[in-house]
């Protein structure tokens, strides 16, 4: 019985990166396939290329064996400011970001827009959404999104391992 060839580490990263698009974007299966780091260009992957897109970084957490709980703990403990900012960040039906803190403002957002959003959320029947934004609004929840991404990528990685198309790296024992 013939076995699938084992991919080199660089090829494994490229294969994993190409799986980043489809889980997170609605209708992504109908979009043009992406290459390399999530941008539309034919340049090959290079081992020194950093994992820039959010989707790729979440994928690497699975590849490195970080659990969803560990990933959430890292986010909360290492990035408390971002965690606080995102607790007061929403997106509208079109994906436009609207946030309380000026450091997180979406494109063209004003402080008044966030105040209008809060009024709309309190009484959506009588208060229209902020001008330029479209209901419904959803609250940013990076932890839930990271957990969903982790679950998706773990299943994909497990399927690749089971099919013999990916070999997990061997971890070396740490000397105490």
N, C-alpha and C. Protein backbone atom coordinates (compact mmCIF):
# COMPACT_ATOMS: atom_id res chain seq x y z
N UNK A 1 0.85 -1.17 0.00
CA UNK A 1 0.00 0.00 0.00
C UNK A 1 0.90 1.24 0.00
N UNK A 2 0.61 2.17 -0.90
CA UNK A 2 1.42 3.38 -1.01
C UNK A 2 0.97 4.40 0.03
N UNK A 3 1.92 5.06 0.63
CA UNK A 3 1.63 6.10 1.60
C UNK A 3 1.80 7.47 0.94
N UNK A 4 1.02 8.42 1.40
CA UNK A 4 1.18 9.79 0.92
C UNK A 4 2.53 10.31 1.38
N UNK A 5 3.20 11.08 0.54
CA UNK A 5 4.51 11.60 0.95
C UNK A 5 4.37 12.52 2.15
N UNK A 6 5.37 12.49 3.02
CA UNK A 6 5.40 13.39 4.17
C UNK A 6 5.89 14.75 3.69
N UNK A 7 5.18 15.78 4.06
CA UNK A 7 5.54 17.13 3.63
C UNK A 7 6.66 17.69 4.50
N UNK A 8 7.51 18.49 3.88
CA UNK A 8 8.53 19.21 4.64
C UNK A 8 7.83 20.27 5.49
N UNK A 9 8.52 20.78 6.51
CA UNK A 9 7.92 21.75 7.43
C UNK A 9 7.38 22.97 6.69
N UNK A 10 8.10 23.53 5.75
CA UNK A 10 7.63 24.69 4.99
C UNK A 10 6.37 24.38 4.20
N UNK A 11 6.32 23.17 3.60
CA UNK A 11 5.13 22.76 2.86
C UNK A 11 3.95 22.58 3.80
N UNK A 12 4.20 22.08 5.01
CA UNK A 12 3.12 21.89 5.99
C UNK A 12 2.52 23.24 6.36
N UNK A 13 3.36 24.23 6.58
CA UNK A 13 2.87 25.56 6.93
C UNK A 13 2.05 26.13 5.78
N UNK A 14 2.54 25.99 4.54
CA UNK A 14 1.82 26.50 3.38
C UNK A 14 0.46 25.81 3.26
N UNK A 15 0.42 24.49 3.43
CA UNK A 15 -0.83 23.75 3.35
C UNK A 15 -1.80 24.23 4.43
N UNK A 16 -1.31 24.40 5.64
CA UNK A 16 -2.16 24.86 6.73
C UNK A 16 -2.65 26.28 6.50
N UNK A 17 -1.80 27.15 5.99
CA UNK A 17 -2.21 28.53 5.75
C UNK A 17 -3.32 28.61 4.72
N UNK A 18 -3.29 27.72 3.74
CA UNK A 18 -4.31 27.75 2.70
C UNK A 18 -5.68 27.35 3.23
N UNK A 19 -5.75 26.79 4.41
CA UNK A 19 -7.04 26.42 4.98
C UNK A 19 -7.65 27.56 5.78
N UNK A 20 -6.95 28.66 5.92
CA UNK A 20 -7.38 29.75 6.80
C UNK A 20 -8.63 30.46 6.34
N UNK A 21 -8.84 30.62 5.07
CA UNK A 21 -9.91 31.47 4.58
C UNK A 21 -11.29 30.89 4.80
N UNK A 22 -11.49 29.63 4.52
CA UNK A 22 -12.84 29.11 4.40
C UNK A 22 -13.65 29.03 5.69
N UNK A 23 -13.04 28.95 6.84
CA UNK A 23 -13.82 28.78 8.07
C UNK A 23 -14.42 30.08 8.57
N UNK A 24 -13.78 31.21 8.29
CA UNK A 24 -14.15 32.42 9.00
C UNK A 24 -14.99 33.43 8.23
N UNK A 25 -15.04 33.32 6.94
CA UNK A 25 -15.75 34.33 6.17
C UNK A 25 -17.01 33.74 5.55
N UNK A 26 -18.18 34.35 5.78
CA UNK A 26 -19.41 33.85 5.17
C UNK A 26 -19.28 33.84 3.66
N UNK A 27 -19.67 32.75 3.03
CA UNK A 27 -19.61 32.65 1.58
C UNK A 27 -18.21 32.50 1.04
N UNK A 28 -17.25 32.21 1.89
CA UNK A 28 -15.86 32.17 1.44
C UNK A 28 -15.60 31.08 0.42
N UNK A 29 -16.39 30.00 0.45
CA UNK A 29 -16.15 28.93 -0.51
C UNK A 29 -16.41 29.40 -1.93
N UNK A 30 -17.11 30.52 -2.09
CA UNK A 30 -17.38 31.05 -3.41
C UNK A 30 -16.38 32.13 -3.80
N UNK A 31 -15.47 32.45 -2.91
CA UNK A 31 -14.49 33.48 -3.18
C UNK A 31 -13.28 32.90 -3.90
N UNK A 32 -12.50 33.78 -4.47
CA UNK A 32 -11.27 33.36 -5.13
C UNK A 32 -10.32 32.76 -4.10
N UNK A 33 -9.72 31.61 -4.39
CA UNK A 33 -8.80 31.01 -3.43
C UNK A 33 -7.63 31.94 -3.15
N UNK A 34 -7.19 31.93 -1.91
CA UNK A 34 -6.07 32.76 -1.54
C UNK A 34 -4.81 31.90 -1.46
N UNK A 35 -3.70 32.57 -1.64
CA UNK A 35 -2.43 31.87 -1.57
C UNK A 35 -1.56 32.54 -0.52
N UNK A 36 -0.52 31.89 -0.17
CA UNK A 36 0.50 32.39 0.75
C UNK A 36 -0.11 32.89 2.04
N UNK A 37 -0.07 34.17 2.32
CA UNK A 37 -0.49 34.70 3.61
C UNK A 37 -1.85 35.35 3.56
N UNK A 38 -2.73 34.87 2.71
CA UNK A 38 -4.07 35.43 2.67
C UNK A 38 -4.19 36.62 1.74
N UNK A 39 -3.22 36.83 0.88
CA UNK A 39 -3.30 37.90 -0.10
C UNK A 39 -3.27 37.28 -1.49
N UNK A 40 -3.83 37.96 -2.47
CA UNK A 40 -3.94 37.41 -3.81
C UNK A 40 -2.69 37.71 -4.63
N UNK A 41 -1.66 36.94 -4.44
CA UNK A 41 -0.47 37.05 -5.26
C UNK A 41 0.22 35.70 -5.27
N UNK A 42 0.97 35.43 -6.33
CA UNK A 42 1.54 34.09 -6.50
C UNK A 42 2.87 33.85 -5.83
N UNK A 43 3.37 34.78 -5.02
CA UNK A 43 4.69 34.56 -4.45
C UNK A 43 4.69 33.35 -3.52
N UNK A 44 5.75 32.56 -3.54
CA UNK A 44 5.80 31.35 -2.72
C UNK A 44 6.00 31.68 -1.24
N UNK A 45 5.63 30.72 -0.40
CA UNK A 45 5.85 30.87 1.04
C UNK A 45 7.34 30.83 1.32
N UNK A 46 7.76 31.64 2.23
CA UNK A 46 9.14 31.61 2.69
C UNK A 46 9.12 31.30 4.19
N UNK A 47 10.03 30.50 4.64
CA UNK A 47 10.05 30.06 6.04
C UNK A 47 10.13 31.23 7.01
N UNK A 48 10.75 32.35 6.60
CA UNK A 48 10.89 33.49 7.49
C UNK A 48 9.70 34.45 7.46
N UNK A 49 8.68 34.15 6.64
CA UNK A 49 7.53 35.03 6.52
C UNK A 49 6.69 34.91 7.79
N UNK A 50 6.44 36.03 8.49
CA UNK A 50 5.64 35.95 9.72
C UNK A 50 4.19 35.64 9.42
N UNK A 51 3.49 35.13 10.41
CA UNK A 51 2.07 34.82 10.29
C UNK A 51 1.29 36.09 10.58
N UNK A 52 0.98 36.85 9.57
CA UNK A 52 0.35 38.14 9.78
C UNK A 52 -1.17 38.08 9.93
N UNK A 53 -1.91 37.40 9.07
CA UNK A 53 -3.37 37.43 9.22
C UNK A 53 -3.81 36.74 10.51
N UNK A 54 -4.89 37.26 11.11
CA UNK A 54 -5.41 36.67 12.35
C UNK A 54 -5.72 35.19 12.17
N UNK A 55 -6.32 34.84 11.02
CA UNK A 55 -6.69 33.44 10.80
C UNK A 55 -5.46 32.55 10.84
N UNK A 56 -4.36 33.01 10.25
CA UNK A 56 -3.15 32.20 10.22
C UNK A 56 -2.58 32.04 11.62
N UNK A 57 -2.58 33.11 12.42
CA UNK A 57 -2.03 33.01 13.78
C UNK A 57 -2.84 32.01 14.60
N UNK A 58 -4.15 31.98 14.45
CA UNK A 58 -4.97 31.03 15.21
C UNK A 58 -4.69 29.60 14.76
N UNK A 59 -4.45 29.44 13.47
CA UNK A 59 -4.13 28.12 12.94
C UNK A 59 -2.82 27.61 13.52
N UNK A 60 -1.84 28.49 13.66
CA UNK A 60 -0.54 28.09 14.19
C UNK A 60 -0.66 27.64 15.63
N UNK A 61 -1.58 28.21 16.40
CA UNK A 61 -1.79 27.76 17.78
C UNK A 61 -2.14 26.28 17.80
N UNK A 62 -3.01 25.84 16.89
CA UNK A 62 -3.36 24.42 16.81
C UNK A 62 -2.15 23.62 16.38
N UNK A 63 -1.44 24.12 15.40
CA UNK A 63 -0.27 23.42 14.88
C UNK A 63 0.78 23.23 15.96
N UNK A 64 0.88 24.20 16.89
CA UNK A 64 1.86 24.11 17.97
C UNK A 64 1.36 23.29 19.15
N UNK A 65 0.11 22.86 19.13
CA UNK A 65 -0.43 22.04 20.21
C UNK A 65 -1.00 22.84 21.36
N UNK A 66 -1.29 24.11 21.13
CA UNK A 66 -1.90 24.95 22.17
C UNK A 66 -3.39 24.66 22.20
N UNK A 67 -3.94 24.37 23.37
CA UNK A 67 -5.37 24.08 23.48
C UNK A 67 -6.18 25.37 23.41
N UNK A 68 -7.49 25.22 23.20
CA UNK A 68 -8.37 26.40 23.16
C UNK A 68 -8.36 27.13 24.50
N UNK A 69 -8.35 26.38 25.60
CA UNK A 69 -8.30 27.02 26.92
C UNK A 69 -7.00 27.79 27.12
N UNK A 70 -5.89 27.21 26.68
CA UNK A 70 -4.60 27.90 26.79
C UNK A 70 -4.58 29.16 25.93
N UNK A 71 -5.14 29.06 24.73
CA UNK A 71 -5.20 30.21 23.84
C UNK A 71 -6.02 31.34 24.46
N UNK A 72 -7.16 31.01 25.05
CA UNK A 72 -7.99 32.02 25.71
C UNK A 72 -7.26 32.62 26.91
N UNK A 73 -6.56 31.80 27.67
CA UNK A 73 -5.81 32.30 28.83
C UNK A 73 -4.68 33.23 28.39
N UNK A 74 -4.02 32.90 27.30
CA UNK A 74 -2.96 33.76 26.77
C UNK A 74 -3.55 35.11 26.38
N UNK A 75 -4.67 35.09 25.69
CA UNK A 75 -5.30 36.34 25.26
C UNK A 75 -5.66 37.22 26.46
N UNK A 76 -6.31 36.64 27.46
CA UNK A 76 -6.76 37.43 28.61
C UNK A 76 -5.59 37.93 29.47
N UNK A 77 -4.57 37.09 29.62
CA UNK A 77 -3.47 37.48 30.51
C UNK A 77 -2.42 38.35 29.84
N UNK A 78 -2.17 38.15 28.57
CA UNK A 78 -1.11 38.89 27.89
C UNK A 78 -1.62 40.14 27.17
N UNK A 79 -2.93 40.20 26.91
CA UNK A 79 -3.49 41.33 26.17
C UNK A 79 -4.71 41.91 26.88
N UNK A 80 -4.57 42.30 28.16
CA UNK A 80 -5.74 42.78 28.90
C UNK A 80 -6.32 44.08 28.33
N UNK A 81 -5.48 44.93 27.78
CA UNK A 81 -5.98 46.18 27.20
C UNK A 81 -6.87 45.89 26.00
N UNK A 82 -6.42 45.02 25.13
CA UNK A 82 -7.21 44.64 23.97
C UNK A 82 -8.52 43.98 24.40
N UNK A 83 -8.43 43.13 25.41
CA UNK A 83 -9.62 42.46 25.95
C UNK A 83 -10.63 43.50 26.43
N UNK A 84 -10.16 44.54 27.13
CA UNK A 84 -11.04 45.60 27.60
C UNK A 84 -11.63 46.40 26.44
N UNK A 85 -10.80 46.77 25.48
CA UNK A 85 -11.28 47.52 24.31
C UNK A 85 -12.40 46.75 23.60
N UNK A 86 -12.16 45.47 23.39
CA UNK A 86 -13.12 44.68 22.62
C UNK A 86 -14.41 44.40 23.37
N UNK A 87 -14.40 44.58 24.70
CA UNK A 87 -15.63 44.38 25.45
C UNK A 87 -16.65 45.47 25.14
N UNK A 88 -16.20 46.57 24.54
CA UNK A 88 -17.09 47.67 24.17
C UNK A 88 -16.98 47.94 22.66
N UNK A 89 -16.91 46.88 21.88
CA UNK A 89 -16.80 46.99 20.42
C UNK A 89 -17.89 46.15 19.77
N UNK A 90 -18.54 46.74 18.78
CA UNK A 90 -19.61 46.07 18.04
C UNK A 90 -19.29 46.14 16.56
N UNK A 91 -20.00 45.33 15.78
CA UNK A 91 -19.97 45.43 14.33
C UNK A 91 -21.41 45.46 13.85
N UNK A 92 -21.63 46.16 12.74
CA UNK A 92 -22.99 46.21 12.21
C UNK A 92 -23.21 45.06 11.22
N UNK A 93 -24.35 45.05 10.56
CA UNK A 93 -24.70 43.97 9.64
C UNK A 93 -23.73 43.87 8.47
N UNK A 94 -23.06 44.97 8.15
CA UNK A 94 -22.10 44.99 7.03
C UNK A 94 -20.66 44.79 7.49
N UNK A 95 -20.46 44.55 8.79
CA UNK A 95 -19.13 44.33 9.31
C UNK A 95 -18.39 45.60 9.70
N UNK A 96 -19.05 46.74 9.65
CA UNK A 96 -18.40 48.00 10.08
C UNK A 96 -18.25 48.01 11.58
N UNK A 97 -17.04 48.32 12.03
CA UNK A 97 -16.74 48.32 13.46
C UNK A 97 -17.16 49.65 14.07
N UNK A 98 -17.69 49.56 15.31
CA UNK A 98 -18.05 50.74 16.08
C UNK A 98 -17.65 50.46 17.52
N UNK A 99 -16.81 51.32 18.09
CA UNK A 99 -16.22 51.05 19.40
C UNK A 99 -16.32 52.25 20.32
N UNK A 100 -16.23 51.98 21.63
CA UNK A 100 -16.28 53.04 22.63
C UNK A 100 -14.97 53.81 22.71
N UNK A 101 -13.85 53.12 22.61
CA UNK A 101 -12.55 53.76 22.78
C UNK A 101 -12.01 54.25 21.44
N UNK A 102 -11.48 55.46 21.42
CA UNK A 102 -10.99 56.03 20.16
C UNK A 102 -9.87 55.21 19.54
N UNK A 103 -9.15 54.44 20.35
CA UNK A 103 -8.10 53.59 19.80
C UNK A 103 -8.65 52.44 18.96
N UNK A 104 -9.92 52.15 19.12
CA UNK A 104 -10.55 51.03 18.40
C UNK A 104 -11.59 51.49 17.38
N UNK A 105 -11.77 52.80 17.20
CA UNK A 105 -12.79 53.31 16.28
C UNK A 105 -12.66 52.66 14.91
N UNK A 106 -13.83 52.39 14.32
CA UNK A 106 -13.87 51.92 12.95
C UNK A 106 -13.67 53.08 11.99
N UNK A 107 -13.52 52.80 10.72
CA UNK A 107 -13.28 53.81 9.70
C UNK A 107 -14.43 54.83 9.68
N UNK A 108 -14.09 56.10 9.86
CA UNK A 108 -15.07 57.16 9.81
C UNK A 108 -15.94 57.30 11.05
N UNK A 109 -15.68 56.54 12.07
CA UNK A 109 -16.51 56.57 13.28
C UNK A 109 -16.21 57.81 14.12
N UNK A 110 -17.27 58.31 14.77
CA UNK A 110 -17.10 59.41 15.72
C UNK A 110 -17.55 58.94 17.09
N UNK A 111 -17.23 59.72 18.11
CA UNK A 111 -17.67 59.39 19.46
C UNK A 111 -19.20 59.37 19.52
N UNK A 112 -19.83 60.29 18.82
CA UNK A 112 -21.30 60.38 18.79
C UNK A 112 -21.91 59.07 18.25
N UNK A 113 -21.25 58.45 17.27
CA UNK A 113 -21.76 57.20 16.70
C UNK A 113 -21.92 56.12 17.78
N UNK A 114 -20.94 56.02 18.67
CA UNK A 114 -21.03 54.99 19.72
C UNK A 114 -22.15 55.33 20.70
N UNK A 115 -22.30 56.60 21.04
CA UNK A 115 -23.39 56.99 21.93
C UNK A 115 -24.75 56.71 21.28
N UNK A 116 -24.86 56.99 19.97
CA UNK A 116 -26.09 56.68 19.25
C UNK A 116 -26.34 55.18 19.21
N UNK A 117 -25.28 54.40 19.08
CA UNK A 117 -25.43 52.94 19.10
C UNK A 117 -25.99 52.47 20.43
N UNK A 118 -25.44 52.98 21.53
CA UNK A 118 -25.94 52.58 22.85
C UNK A 118 -27.42 52.92 23.01
N UNK A 119 -27.82 54.10 22.52
CA UNK A 119 -29.23 54.48 22.59
C UNK A 119 -30.07 53.54 21.73
N UNK A 120 -29.58 53.18 20.56
CA UNK A 120 -30.30 52.24 19.69
C UNK A 120 -30.43 50.87 20.34
N UNK A 121 -29.36 50.38 20.94
CA UNK A 121 -29.39 49.06 21.57
C UNK A 121 -30.35 49.03 22.75
N UNK A 122 -30.48 50.17 23.44
CA UNK A 122 -31.38 50.25 24.59
C UNK A 122 -32.85 50.26 24.15
N UNK A 123 -33.14 50.92 23.01
CA UNK A 123 -34.52 51.00 22.52
C UNK A 123 -34.53 50.97 20.99
N UNK A 124 -34.34 49.78 20.40
CA UNK A 124 -34.24 49.69 18.94
C UNK A 124 -35.53 50.04 18.19
N UNK A 125 -36.67 49.96 18.87
CA UNK A 125 -37.94 50.28 18.22
C UNK A 125 -38.09 51.78 17.95
N UNK A 126 -37.60 52.60 18.87
CA UNK A 126 -37.80 54.05 18.75
C UNK A 126 -36.54 54.82 18.38
N UNK A 127 -35.37 54.20 18.49
CA UNK A 127 -34.12 54.91 18.20
C UNK A 127 -33.43 54.24 17.02
N UNK A 128 -33.21 55.00 15.94
CA UNK A 128 -32.55 54.40 14.77
C UNK A 128 -31.08 54.13 15.04
N UNK A 129 -30.47 53.26 14.25
CA UNK A 129 -29.02 53.03 14.40
C UNK A 129 -28.26 54.30 14.02
N UNK A 130 -27.00 54.39 14.41
CA UNK A 130 -26.20 55.55 14.02
C UNK A 130 -26.18 55.69 12.50
N UNK A 131 -26.08 56.92 12.03
CA UNK A 131 -26.06 57.17 10.59
C UNK A 131 -24.87 56.46 9.94
N UNK A 132 -25.15 55.75 8.86
CA UNK A 132 -24.11 55.02 8.15
C UNK A 132 -23.92 53.59 8.61
N UNK A 133 -24.63 53.20 9.67
CA UNK A 133 -24.53 51.84 10.20
C UNK A 133 -25.88 51.14 10.01
N UNK A 134 -25.82 49.82 9.92
CA UNK A 134 -27.03 49.04 9.68
C UNK A 134 -27.19 47.95 10.73
N UNK A 135 -28.38 47.93 11.35
CA UNK A 135 -28.70 46.86 12.31
C UNK A 135 -28.86 45.56 11.54
N UNK A 136 -28.70 44.43 12.15
CA UNK A 136 -28.43 44.21 13.56
C UNK A 136 -26.94 44.38 13.87
N UNK A 137 -26.67 44.62 15.15
CA UNK A 137 -25.30 44.78 15.63
C UNK A 137 -24.91 43.55 16.43
N UNK A 138 -23.69 43.16 16.34
CA UNK A 138 -23.21 42.05 17.17
C UNK A 138 -21.95 42.49 17.90
N UNK A 139 -21.82 41.98 19.10
CA UNK A 139 -20.71 42.36 19.96
C UNK A 139 -19.47 41.53 19.63
N UNK A 140 -18.33 42.17 19.65
CA UNK A 140 -17.08 41.47 19.42
C UNK A 140 -16.86 40.47 20.55
N UNK A 141 -16.48 39.25 20.21
CA UNK A 141 -16.20 38.23 21.22
C UNK A 141 -15.03 37.40 20.72
N UNK A 142 -13.84 37.96 20.89
CA UNK A 142 -12.65 37.30 20.37
C UNK A 142 -12.44 35.92 20.98
N UNK A 143 -12.76 35.75 22.25
CA UNK A 143 -12.55 34.45 22.88
C UNK A 143 -13.42 33.38 22.21
N UNK A 144 -14.70 33.69 22.00
CA UNK A 144 -15.58 32.72 21.34
C UNK A 144 -15.11 32.45 19.91
N UNK A 145 -14.67 33.50 19.22
CA UNK A 145 -14.18 33.34 17.86
C UNK A 145 -12.90 32.50 17.84
N UNK A 146 -12.00 32.73 18.80
CA UNK A 146 -10.77 31.93 18.87
C UNK A 146 -11.09 30.47 19.14
N UNK A 147 -12.06 30.22 20.01
CA UNK A 147 -12.45 28.84 20.31
C UNK A 147 -13.06 28.16 19.09
N UNK A 148 -13.90 28.89 18.36
CA UNK A 148 -14.50 28.34 17.14
C UNK A 148 -13.42 28.03 16.09
N UNK A 149 -12.47 28.97 15.94
CA UNK A 149 -11.38 28.75 15.00
C UNK A 149 -10.53 27.55 15.41
N UNK A 150 -10.26 27.46 16.70
CA UNK A 150 -9.44 26.35 17.20
C UNK A 150 -10.13 25.02 16.92
N UNK A 151 -11.42 24.94 17.19
CA UNK A 151 -12.18 23.71 16.94
C UNK A 151 -12.13 23.33 15.46
N UNK A 152 -12.35 24.33 14.61
CA UNK A 152 -12.33 24.07 13.16
C UNK A 152 -10.96 23.59 12.70
N UNK A 153 -9.92 24.32 13.09
CA UNK A 153 -8.58 23.96 12.62
C UNK A 153 -8.09 22.65 13.23
N UNK A 154 -8.48 22.36 14.46
CA UNK A 154 -8.09 21.09 15.07
C UNK A 154 -8.71 19.92 14.29
N UNK A 155 -9.97 20.07 13.90
CA UNK A 155 -10.63 19.02 13.11
C UNK A 155 -9.95 18.85 11.75
N UNK A 156 -9.59 19.95 11.12
CA UNK A 156 -8.91 19.87 9.82
C UNK A 156 -7.54 19.22 9.96
N UNK A 157 -6.82 19.60 11.01
CA UNK A 157 -5.49 19.04 11.23
C UNK A 157 -5.59 17.55 11.54
N UNK A 158 -6.56 17.17 12.37
CA UNK A 158 -6.75 15.75 12.69
C UNK A 158 -7.07 14.95 11.44
N UNK A 159 -7.88 15.53 10.54
CA UNK A 159 -8.22 14.83 9.29
C UNK A 159 -6.98 14.66 8.41
N UNK A 160 -6.11 15.67 8.35
CA UNK A 160 -4.89 15.57 7.55
C UNK A 160 -3.95 14.52 8.13
N UNK A 161 -3.86 14.46 9.45
CA UNK A 161 -3.01 13.45 10.10
C UNK A 161 -3.56 12.06 9.82
N UNK A 162 -4.89 11.90 9.98
CA UNK A 162 -5.52 10.59 9.76
C UNK A 162 -5.35 10.13 8.31
N UNK A 163 -5.36 11.06 7.36
CA UNK A 163 -5.20 10.72 5.96
C UNK A 163 -3.74 10.50 5.57
N UNK A 164 -2.83 10.76 6.51
CA UNK A 164 -1.41 10.57 6.22
C UNK A 164 -0.78 11.68 5.41
N UNK A 165 -1.45 12.83 5.32
CA UNK A 165 -0.91 13.95 4.54
C UNK A 165 -0.14 14.94 5.39
N UNK A 166 -0.11 14.73 6.70
CA UNK A 166 0.63 15.63 7.58
C UNK A 166 1.17 14.84 8.74
N UNK A 167 2.41 15.09 9.08
CA UNK A 167 3.03 14.41 10.20
C UNK A 167 3.34 15.45 11.27
N UNK A 168 2.78 15.29 12.46
CA UNK A 168 3.06 16.27 13.51
C UNK A 168 4.54 16.27 13.85
N UNK A 169 5.07 17.45 14.18
CA UNK A 169 6.48 17.50 14.57
C UNK A 169 6.69 16.75 15.88
N UNK A 170 7.86 16.18 16.02
CA UNK A 170 8.21 15.46 17.25
C UNK A 170 8.69 16.49 18.25
N UNK A 171 8.12 16.45 19.43
CA UNK A 171 8.53 17.39 20.47
C UNK A 171 9.69 16.79 21.26
N UNK A 172 10.65 17.66 21.50
CA UNK A 172 11.78 17.22 22.29
C UNK A 172 11.48 17.41 23.77
N UNK A 173 11.96 16.52 24.59
CA UNK A 173 11.74 16.63 26.03
C UNK A 173 12.54 17.81 26.56
N UNK A 174 11.92 18.54 27.47
CA UNK A 174 12.56 19.69 28.08
C UNK A 174 13.33 19.21 29.31
N UNK A 175 14.59 19.61 29.37
CA UNK A 175 15.41 19.23 30.52
C UNK A 175 15.12 20.17 31.67
N UNK A 176 14.83 19.62 32.83
CA UNK A 176 14.50 20.43 34.02
C UNK A 176 15.73 21.01 34.66
